[in-house]
Amino acid sequence: MNSKRKIATVAAGVAAIAGLGIGPAFAEGGFKSSIDGWLTGKESRHWSDKNRDGVSTSVKFSGCTAHNGGSGEDHFKHATIQLKKERSGLPDPVVARDNNYCDTSSFGDRSKGSYYFKYTRLNGYDQPGYLLFVKRVVVKF
């Protein structure tokens, strides 16, 4: 098969796939941030998921450390985070939770609403005085 025919075949295949609506799944939204010295109980920024796609809500951590005061010793093994859904005039329910080992926490395709995550534990315990640092946080929804 000559190169012109190969190019034409590839172009026809790409056009057919695009015409069928088959392609990569893209998140409806997301943001990048960092965590700079959070104590347990701290909340992330809130976001609104219109649920216009089938993408799993996820929180990805990279570059994680935890320190107790000025010791300088890293105590990070994992951070427990809760995905919470806002409810007007009522307590916000925990809809999912995960131990994030400085990787990705996937919470599934969530229903329409406003969400946030809350940092609740370090290494399985409430650790007063321990500060959590995460160089890069990526939230997709």
N, C-alpha and C. Protein backbone atom coordinates (compact mmCIF):
# COMPACT_ATOMS: atom_id res chain seq x y z
N MET A 1 0.86 -1.17 0.00
CA MET A 1 0.00 0.00 0.00
C MET A 1 0.90 1.23 0.00
N ASN A 2 0.64 2.16 -0.92
CA ASN A 2 1.49 3.35 -0.98
C ASN A 2 1.14 4.33 0.14
N SER A 3 2.00 5.32 0.36
CA SER A 3 1.82 6.23 1.50
C SER A 3 0.58 7.09 1.37
N LYS A 4 0.19 7.48 0.14
CA LYS A 4 -1.03 8.28 -0.03
C LYS A 4 -2.26 7.47 0.36
N ARG A 5 -2.27 6.19 0.01
CA ARG A 5 -3.40 5.33 0.34
C ARG A 5 -3.46 5.11 1.86
N LYS A 6 -2.30 4.94 2.52
CA LYS A 6 -2.25 4.77 3.98
C LYS A 6 -2.80 6.00 4.68
N ILE A 7 -2.39 7.18 4.22
CA ILE A 7 -2.87 8.43 4.82
C ILE A 7 -4.37 8.55 4.64
N ALA A 8 -4.86 8.23 3.45
CA ALA A 8 -6.30 8.31 3.18
C ALA A 8 -7.08 7.33 4.06
N THR A 9 -6.54 6.12 4.27
CA THR A 9 -7.19 5.13 5.10
C THR A 9 -7.25 5.59 6.55
N VAL A 10 -6.15 6.12 7.06
CA VAL A 10 -6.12 6.63 8.42
C VAL A 10 -7.09 7.80 8.58
N ALA A 11 -7.10 8.72 7.65
CA ALA A 11 -8.00 9.88 7.70
C ALA A 11 -9.45 9.43 7.69
N ALA A 12 -9.79 8.44 6.86
CA ALA A 12 -11.16 7.94 6.80
C ALA A 12 -11.55 7.29 8.13
N GLY A 13 -10.62 6.56 8.74
CA GLY A 13 -10.89 5.93 10.03
C GLY A 13 -11.13 6.95 11.13
N VAL A 14 -10.32 7.98 11.15
CA VAL A 14 -10.49 9.05 12.15
C VAL A 14 -11.82 9.75 11.95
N ALA A 15 -12.18 10.04 10.71
CA ALA A 15 -13.46 10.70 10.42
C ALA A 15 -14.63 9.82 10.84
N ALA A 16 -14.53 8.51 10.59
CA ALA A 16 -15.61 7.60 10.97
C ALA A 16 -15.79 7.55 12.48
N ILE A 17 -14.68 7.48 13.21
CA ILE A 17 -14.76 7.46 14.67
C ILE A 17 -15.35 8.76 15.20
N ALA A 18 -14.91 9.89 14.66
CA ALA A 18 -15.44 11.19 15.10
C ALA A 18 -16.93 11.28 14.79
N GLY A 19 -17.34 10.77 13.63
CA GLY A 19 -18.75 10.81 13.25
C GLY A 19 -19.63 9.97 14.15
N LEU A 20 -19.08 8.92 14.73
CA LEU A 20 -19.84 8.07 15.64
C LEU A 20 -19.86 8.61 17.07
N GLY A 21 -19.11 9.66 17.28
CA GLY A 21 -19.06 10.23 18.63
C GLY A 21 -18.17 9.45 19.57
N ILE A 22 -17.33 8.59 19.02
CA ILE A 22 -16.42 7.81 19.85
C ILE A 22 -15.13 8.61 20.00
N GLY A 23 -14.71 8.78 21.19
CA GLY A 23 -13.48 9.52 21.44
C GLY A 23 -13.14 9.46 22.90
N PRO A 24 -12.09 10.14 23.29
CA PRO A 24 -11.69 10.09 24.69
C PRO A 24 -12.70 10.80 25.58
N ALA A 25 -12.87 10.30 26.79
CA ALA A 25 -13.77 10.93 27.75
C ALA A 25 -13.03 12.08 28.42
N PHE A 26 -13.61 13.25 28.43
CA PHE A 26 -13.01 14.42 29.07
C PHE A 26 -13.84 14.83 30.27
N ALA A 27 -13.18 15.22 31.30
CA ALA A 27 -13.87 15.66 32.50
C ALA A 27 -14.60 16.97 32.21
N GLU A 28 -15.74 17.11 32.84
CA GLU A 28 -16.55 18.33 32.71
C GLU A 28 -15.78 19.53 33.24
N GLY A 29 -15.05 19.31 34.31
CA GLY A 29 -14.31 20.42 34.91
C GLY A 29 -13.22 19.91 35.82
N GLY A 30 -12.50 20.83 36.39
CA GLY A 30 -11.44 20.47 37.32
C GLY A 30 -10.60 21.68 37.67
N PHE A 31 -9.68 21.46 38.56
CA PHE A 31 -8.75 22.53 38.93
C PHE A 31 -7.50 21.93 39.53
N LYS A 32 -6.45 22.73 39.57
CA LYS A 32 -5.17 22.34 40.17
C LYS A 32 -4.90 23.27 41.35
N SER A 33 -4.29 22.72 42.36
CA SER A 33 -4.02 23.51 43.56
C SER A 33 -2.85 22.87 44.32
N SER A 34 -2.70 23.24 45.56
CA SER A 34 -1.71 22.64 46.45
C SER A 34 -2.26 22.73 47.88
N ILE A 35 -1.63 22.00 48.77
CA ILE A 35 -2.00 22.05 50.18
C ILE A 35 -0.76 22.51 50.94
N ASP A 36 -0.91 23.57 51.70
CA ASP A 36 0.23 24.16 52.38
C ASP A 36 -0.03 24.24 53.88
N GLY A 37 0.26 23.16 54.58
CA GLY A 37 0.17 23.18 56.04
C GLY A 37 -1.22 23.03 56.59
N TRP A 38 -2.00 22.07 56.07
CA TRP A 38 -3.35 21.84 56.57
C TRP A 38 -3.32 20.99 57.83
N LEU A 39 -4.16 21.37 58.79
CA LEU A 39 -4.47 20.53 59.94
C LEU A 39 -5.69 19.70 59.59
N THR A 40 -5.90 18.57 60.28
CA THR A 40 -7.10 17.78 60.02
C THR A 40 -8.34 18.64 60.23
N GLY A 41 -9.36 18.40 59.40
CA GLY A 41 -10.59 19.17 59.46
C GLY A 41 -10.68 20.24 58.39
N LYS A 42 -9.60 20.51 57.70
CA LYS A 42 -9.59 21.54 56.65
C LYS A 42 -10.32 21.05 55.40
N GLU A 43 -11.03 21.98 54.74
CA GLU A 43 -11.78 21.68 53.52
C GLU A 43 -11.09 22.27 52.30
N SER A 44 -11.26 21.59 51.17
CA SER A 44 -10.80 22.12 49.89
C SER A 44 -11.76 23.21 49.43
N ARG A 45 -11.43 23.82 48.31
CA ARG A 45 -12.40 24.73 47.69
C ARG A 45 -13.58 23.90 47.22
N HIS A 46 -14.72 24.53 47.06
CA HIS A 46 -15.95 23.86 46.63
C HIS A 46 -16.09 23.99 45.11
N TRP A 47 -16.73 22.99 44.48
CA TRP A 47 -16.95 23.03 43.04
C TRP A 47 -18.35 22.52 42.72
N SER A 48 -18.84 22.92 41.56
CA SER A 48 -20.17 22.51 41.11
C SER A 48 -20.03 21.53 39.96
N ASP A 49 -20.59 20.34 40.14
CA ASP A 49 -20.60 19.31 39.11
C ASP A 49 -22.00 19.28 38.51
N LYS A 50 -22.10 19.59 37.23
CA LYS A 50 -23.40 19.58 36.55
C LYS A 50 -23.76 18.19 36.04
N ASN A 51 -22.85 17.21 36.21
CA ASN A 51 -23.04 15.82 35.82
C ASN A 51 -23.45 15.69 34.35
N ARG A 52 -22.72 16.37 33.48
CA ARG A 52 -22.98 16.33 32.03
C ARG A 52 -22.13 15.27 31.33
N ASP A 53 -21.41 14.46 32.10
CA ASP A 53 -20.53 13.46 31.51
C ASP A 53 -20.54 12.21 32.39
N GLY A 54 -19.77 11.24 32.06
CA GLY A 54 -19.68 10.02 32.84
C GLY A 54 -18.33 9.87 33.52
N VAL A 55 -17.64 10.98 33.75
CA VAL A 55 -16.30 10.94 34.31
C VAL A 55 -16.36 10.81 35.83
N SER A 56 -15.49 9.96 36.36
CA SER A 56 -15.38 9.78 37.80
C SER A 56 -14.78 11.02 38.44
N THR A 57 -15.35 11.44 39.56
CA THR A 57 -14.75 12.52 40.34
C THR A 57 -13.48 11.97 40.98
N SER A 58 -12.39 12.71 40.85
CA SER A 58 -11.12 12.22 41.40
C SER A 58 -10.32 13.36 42.01
N VAL A 59 -9.49 12.99 42.99
CA VAL A 59 -8.57 13.91 43.65
C VAL A 59 -7.20 13.24 43.61
N LYS A 60 -6.25 13.89 42.93
CA LYS A 60 -4.90 13.33 42.80
C LYS A 60 -3.92 14.17 43.60
N PHE A 61 -3.17 13.51 44.48
CA PHE A 61 -2.11 14.15 45.25
C PHE A 61 -0.76 13.72 44.69
N SER A 62 0.20 14.65 44.69
CA SER A 62 1.60 14.29 44.41
C SER A 62 2.51 15.22 45.21
N GLY A 63 3.62 14.67 45.67
CA GLY A 63 4.56 15.44 46.48
C GLY A 63 4.04 15.65 47.89
N CYS A 64 3.71 14.57 48.60
CA CYS A 64 3.07 14.65 49.92
C CYS A 64 4.08 14.53 51.06
N THR A 65 3.93 15.37 52.06
CA THR A 65 4.70 15.27 53.30
C THR A 65 3.83 15.72 54.46
N ALA A 66 4.19 15.31 55.66
CA ALA A 66 3.50 15.75 56.87
C ALA A 66 4.55 15.95 57.96
N HIS A 67 4.43 17.06 58.66
CA HIS A 67 5.42 17.41 59.68
C HIS A 67 4.73 17.80 60.97
N ASN A 68 5.36 17.49 62.08
CA ASN A 68 4.88 17.87 63.40
C ASN A 68 5.70 19.06 63.86
N GLY A 69 5.09 20.23 63.82
CA GLY A 69 5.80 21.44 64.25
C GLY A 69 7.06 21.65 63.45
N GLY A 70 8.16 21.89 64.11
CA GLY A 70 9.41 22.18 63.43
C GLY A 70 10.36 20.99 63.34
N SER A 71 9.86 19.76 63.55
CA SER A 71 10.75 18.60 63.58
C SER A 71 11.45 18.35 62.26
N GLY A 72 10.80 18.68 61.13
CA GLY A 72 11.38 18.45 59.83
C GLY A 72 11.29 17.02 59.36
N GLU A 73 10.94 16.08 60.24
CA GLU A 73 10.82 14.67 59.87
C GLU A 73 9.48 14.43 59.16
N ASP A 74 9.53 13.74 58.01
CA ASP A 74 8.32 13.46 57.25
C ASP A 74 7.58 12.28 57.86
N HIS A 75 6.30 12.48 58.20
CA HIS A 75 5.48 11.43 58.81
C HIS A 75 4.36 10.96 57.89
N PHE A 76 4.39 11.32 56.61
CA PHE A 76 3.28 10.99 55.70
C PHE A 76 3.30 9.53 55.27
N LYS A 77 2.18 8.84 55.48
CA LYS A 77 1.93 7.52 54.90
C LYS A 77 0.68 7.61 54.02
N HIS A 78 -0.39 8.18 54.59
CA HIS A 78 -1.59 8.44 53.80
C HIS A 78 -2.46 9.47 54.51
N ALA A 79 -3.25 10.15 53.70
CA ALA A 79 -4.21 11.13 54.22
C ALA A 79 -5.62 10.63 53.91
N THR A 80 -6.47 10.61 54.90
CA THR A 80 -7.87 10.24 54.67
C THR A 80 -8.62 11.49 54.23
N ILE A 81 -9.30 11.37 53.09
CA ILE A 81 -10.12 12.48 52.61
C ILE A 81 -11.55 11.98 52.42
N GLN A 82 -12.47 12.86 52.70
CA GLN A 82 -13.90 12.59 52.53
C GLN A 82 -14.42 13.48 51.42
N LEU A 83 -15.17 12.91 50.49
CA LEU A 83 -15.89 13.70 49.50
C LEU A 83 -17.24 14.03 50.11
N LYS A 84 -17.56 15.32 50.18
CA LYS A 84 -18.82 15.75 50.78
C LYS A 84 -19.65 16.52 49.76
N LYS A 85 -20.96 16.39 49.88
CA LYS A 85 -21.90 17.09 49.00
C LYS A 85 -22.63 18.14 49.82
N GLU A 86 -22.65 19.36 49.29
CA GLU A 86 -23.32 20.46 50.00
C GLU A 86 -24.83 20.25 50.02
N ARG A 87 -25.44 20.57 51.18
CA ARG A 87 -26.90 20.59 51.30
C ARG A 87 -27.27 21.87 52.05
N SER A 88 -28.12 22.65 51.44
CA SER A 88 -28.52 23.91 52.03
C SER A 88 -29.33 23.68 53.30
N GLY A 89 -28.90 24.30 54.39
CA GLY A 89 -29.63 24.24 55.65
C GLY A 89 -29.51 22.92 56.40
N LEU A 90 -28.74 21.98 55.89
CA LEU A 90 -28.55 20.68 56.54
C LEU A 90 -27.06 20.35 56.59
N PRO A 91 -26.66 19.44 57.45
CA PRO A 91 -25.25 19.02 57.43
C PRO A 91 -24.90 18.38 56.08
N ASP A 92 -23.67 18.60 55.64
CA ASP A 92 -23.22 18.02 54.37
C ASP A 92 -22.84 16.56 54.58
N PRO A 93 -23.46 15.64 53.83
CA PRO A 93 -23.15 14.23 54.02
C PRO A 93 -21.82 13.84 53.35
N VAL A 94 -21.17 12.85 53.94
CA VAL A 94 -20.00 12.23 53.32
C VAL A 94 -20.55 11.25 52.29
N VAL A 95 -20.20 11.46 51.01
CA VAL A 95 -20.69 10.56 49.96
C VAL A 95 -19.64 9.50 49.60
N ALA A 96 -18.40 9.73 49.99
CA ALA A 96 -17.33 8.75 49.75
C ALA A 96 -16.12 9.16 50.58
N ARG A 97 -15.27 8.19 50.86
CA ARG A 97 -14.01 8.49 51.56
C ARG A 97 -12.93 7.58 51.03
N ASP A 98 -11.67 8.02 51.18
CA ASP A 98 -10.56 7.22 50.70
C ASP A 98 -9.29 7.59 51.46
N ASN A 99 -8.41 6.62 51.60
CA ASN A 99 -7.07 6.87 52.09
C ASN A 99 -6.20 7.16 50.88
N ASN A 100 -5.71 8.38 50.78
CA ASN A 100 -4.90 8.78 49.64
C ASN A 100 -3.42 8.61 50.00
N TYR A 101 -2.76 7.67 49.30
CA TYR A 101 -1.35 7.36 49.55
C TYR A 101 -0.45 8.17 48.62
N CYS A 102 -0.79 9.43 48.44
CA CYS A 102 -0.10 10.33 47.52
C CYS A 102 -0.26 9.80 46.09
N ASP A 103 -1.52 9.52 45.76
CA ASP A 103 -1.89 9.04 44.45
C ASP A 103 -3.29 9.56 44.13
N THR A 104 -4.08 8.81 43.40
CA THR A 104 -5.41 9.27 42.98
C THR A 104 -6.51 8.58 43.77
N SER A 105 -7.42 9.37 44.32
CA SER A 105 -8.64 8.88 44.94
C SER A 105 -9.77 9.07 43.94
N SER A 106 -10.40 7.96 43.52
CA SER A 106 -11.51 8.02 42.57
C SER A 106 -12.81 7.78 43.31
N PHE A 107 -13.79 8.65 43.07
CA PHE A 107 -15.04 8.60 43.81
C PHE A 107 -16.25 8.27 42.93
N GLY A 108 -16.02 7.86 41.70
CA GLY A 108 -17.13 7.49 40.82
C GLY A 108 -17.82 8.71 40.22
N ASP A 109 -18.75 8.44 39.32
CA ASP A 109 -19.53 9.50 38.67
C ASP A 109 -20.58 9.98 39.66
N ARG A 110 -20.47 11.19 40.11
CA ARG A 110 -21.37 11.74 41.14
C ARG A 110 -22.56 12.43 40.51
N SER A 111 -23.65 12.52 41.25
CA SER A 111 -24.85 13.22 40.78
C SER A 111 -24.60 14.73 40.76
N LYS A 112 -25.51 15.45 40.12
CA LYS A 112 -25.41 16.91 40.02
C LYS A 112 -25.40 17.51 41.43
N GLY A 113 -24.50 18.49 41.64
CA GLY A 113 -24.44 19.15 42.93
C GLY A 113 -23.11 19.83 43.16
N SER A 114 -22.96 20.42 44.34
CA SER A 114 -21.72 21.08 44.74
C SER A 114 -21.00 20.19 45.74
N TYR A 115 -19.69 20.06 45.54
CA TYR A 115 -18.87 19.13 46.32
C TYR A 115 -17.60 19.81 46.83
N TYR A 116 -16.95 19.12 47.76
CA TYR A 116 -15.63 19.50 48.24
C TYR A 116 -15.05 18.28 48.94
N PHE A 117 -13.73 18.29 49.19
CA PHE A 117 -13.18 17.22 49.99
C PHE A 117 -12.66 17.80 51.30
N LYS A 118 -12.70 16.97 52.31
CA LYS A 118 -12.27 17.35 53.64
C LYS A 118 -11.15 16.40 54.08
N TYR A 119 -10.06 16.96 54.58
CA TYR A 119 -8.93 16.19 55.11
C TYR A 119 -9.26 15.84 56.55
N THR A 120 -9.37 14.52 56.88
CA THR A 120 -9.85 14.13 58.20
C THR A 120 -8.85 13.39 59.07
N ARG A 121 -7.89 12.68 58.45
CA ARG A 121 -6.95 11.89 59.25
C ARG A 121 -5.60 11.79 58.55
N LEU A 122 -4.57 11.60 59.35
CA LEU A 122 -3.22 11.34 58.83
C LEU A 122 -2.80 9.97 59.32
N ASN A 123 -2.48 9.07 58.39
CA ASN A 123 -2.02 7.72 58.71
C ASN A 123 -3.02 6.96 59.58
N GLY A 124 -4.31 7.26 59.40
CA GLY A 124 -5.36 6.54 60.11
C GLY A 124 -5.77 7.13 61.44
N TYR A 125 -5.16 8.24 61.84
CA TYR A 125 -5.45 8.84 63.15
C TYR A 125 -5.66 10.34 63.01
N ASP A 126 -6.44 10.89 63.95
CA ASP A 126 -6.52 12.34 64.06
C ASP A 126 -5.19 12.77 64.69
N GLN A 127 -4.42 13.55 63.96
CA GLN A 127 -3.07 13.90 64.40
C GLN A 127 -2.98 15.41 64.66
N PRO A 128 -3.43 15.88 65.82
CA PRO A 128 -3.33 17.31 66.09
C PRO A 128 -1.87 17.76 66.08
N GLY A 129 -1.63 18.87 65.46
CA GLY A 129 -0.28 19.42 65.41
C GLY A 129 0.51 19.00 64.19
N TYR A 130 0.03 18.00 63.44
CA TYR A 130 0.72 17.57 62.22
C TYR A 130 0.15 18.34 61.03
N LEU A 131 1.04 18.90 60.25
CA LEU A 131 0.64 19.70 59.09
C LEU A 131 0.85 18.91 57.81
N LEU A 132 -0.16 18.92 56.94
CA LEU A 132 -0.10 18.22 55.66
C LEU A 132 0.31 19.19 54.55
N PHE A 133 1.26 18.75 53.74
CA PHE A 133 1.71 19.51 52.58
C PHE A 133 1.60 18.61 51.35
N VAL A 134 0.98 19.12 50.28
CA VAL A 134 0.88 18.40 49.01
C VAL A 134 1.27 19.38 47.92
N LYS A 135 2.35 19.09 47.20
CA LYS A 135 2.84 20.02 46.19
C LYS A 135 1.85 20.25 45.06
N ARG A 136 1.13 19.18 44.67
CA ARG A 136 0.20 19.31 43.54
C ARG A 136 -1.07 18.51 43.85
N VAL A 137 -2.21 19.19 43.76
CA VAL A 137 -3.52 18.58 43.90
C VAL A 137 -4.26 18.83 42.59
N VAL A 138 -4.78 17.75 41.98
CA VAL A 138 -5.56 17.87 40.75
C VAL A 138 -6.92 17.26 41.01
N VAL A 139 -7.97 18.07 40.88
CA VAL A 139 -9.35 17.61 41.05
C VAL A 139 -10.01 17.59 39.68
N LYS A 140 -10.66 16.48 39.35
CA LYS A 140 -11.43 16.36 38.10
C LYS A 140 -12.83 15.91 38.45
N PHE A 141 -13.80 16.44 37.71
CA PHE A 141 -15.20 16.06 37.93
C PHE A 141 -15.99 16.15 36.65
